[in-house]
Amino acid sequence: MKKNVALVVAGSGEIRDLTISPGTKVGEVMTATGLQGYLASKGPDQPFLRPEDDLYEAVTEGAKVYASTPAEAGGR
């Protein structure tokens, strides 16, 4: 069963609607969306997910995933 998630790109206001399958890794999503070098989290105050983390298992249907650069993430 697939899940629909929204990828929110920090600083741009862009939201990308994605459909992910079981076993989809965070790094795969970032590469496929052209966001290599960005960090992903489940919310602004949440820890970052690792590229090898299973995104499908980490989020629920309809969840927002936030992508930010290390500089934006650090608040500088």
Protein backbone atom coordinates (compact mmCIF):
# COMPACT_ATOMS: atom_id res chain seq x y z
CA MET A 1 0.00 0.00 0.00
CA LYS A 2 1.40 3.38 -0.97
CA LYS A 3 1.33 6.60 1.06
CA ASN A 4 0.83 10.15 -0.10
CA VAL A 5 3.06 12.74 1.59
CA ALA A 6 3.81 16.41 1.06
CA LEU A 7 7.45 17.49 0.81
CA VAL A 8 7.77 21.08 2.04
CA VAL A 9 10.93 22.81 0.79
CA ALA A 10 12.13 25.33 3.38
CA GLY A 11 12.66 28.89 2.24
CA SER A 12 10.80 28.46 -1.04
CA GLY A 13 7.23 27.86 0.05
CA GLU A 14 7.18 24.99 -2.43
CA ILE A 15 5.19 21.88 -1.57
CA ARG A 16 5.68 18.74 -3.63
CA ASP A 17 3.08 15.99 -3.44
CA LEU A 18 4.71 12.56 -3.48
CA THR A 19 3.55 8.97 -3.42
CA ILE A 20 5.93 6.59 -1.69
CA SER A 21 6.04 2.80 -1.51
CA PRO A 22 7.09 0.51 1.34
CA GLY A 23 10.87 0.55 1.69
CA THR A 24 11.36 4.04 0.24
CA LYS A 25 14.44 5.61 1.82
CA VAL A 26 14.80 9.30 2.71
CA GLY A 27 17.90 9.62 0.49
CA GLU A 28 16.03 8.16 -2.49
CA VAL A 29 13.32 10.80 -2.17
CA MET A 30 15.83 13.64 -1.85
CA THR A 31 17.72 12.46 -4.93
CA ALA A 32 14.56 11.89 -6.98
CA THR A 33 13.30 15.39 -6.18
CA GLY A 34 16.64 17.07 -6.90
CA LEU A 35 17.19 18.00 -3.27
CA GLN A 36 20.56 16.33 -2.70
CA GLY A 37 22.27 17.95 0.26
CA TYR A 38 18.98 18.82 1.97
CA LEU A 39 18.03 17.37 5.33
CA ALA A 40 14.57 15.92 5.96
CA SER A 41 12.49 15.97 9.12
CA LYS A 42 8.92 15.30 10.18
CA GLY A 43 8.52 18.86 11.50
CA PRO A 44 10.33 22.12 12.21
CA ASP A 45 11.23 21.05 15.76
CA GLN A 46 11.87 17.38 14.99
CA PRO A 47 15.23 15.63 14.59
CA PHE A 48 16.51 15.03 11.10
CA LEU A 49 15.97 11.72 9.38
CA ARG A 50 19.03 9.91 8.03
CA PRO A 51 19.29 9.22 4.28
CA GLU A 52 19.10 5.48 4.98
CA ASP A 53 15.94 5.78 7.12
CA ASP A 54 12.79 4.16 5.76
CA LEU A 55 10.54 7.15 5.03
CA TYR A 56 7.51 4.95 4.50
CA GLU A 57 7.80 3.60 8.06
CA ALA A 58 8.64 7.02 9.54
CA VAL A 59 5.53 8.89 8.36
CA THR A 60 1.79 8.44 8.22
CA GLU A 61 -0.50 8.86 5.22
CA GLY A 62 -0.85 12.55 4.34
CA ALA A 63 2.10 13.63 6.48
CA LYS A 64 4.31 16.61 5.72
CA VAL A 65 8.05 16.05 5.39
CA TYR A 66 10.23 19.14 5.66
CA ALA A 67 13.37 19.56 3.54
CA SER A 68 15.93 22.18 4.50
CA THR A 69 19.57 22.91 3.85
CA PRO A 70 22.00 22.56 6.76
CA ALA A 71 22.29 26.39 6.95
CA GLU A 72 18.50 26.84 7.16
CA ALA A 73 18.27 24.04 9.68
CA GLY A 74 20.85 25.72 11.90
CA GLY A 75 19.05 29.05 11.82
CA ARG A 76 22.02 31.02 10.52
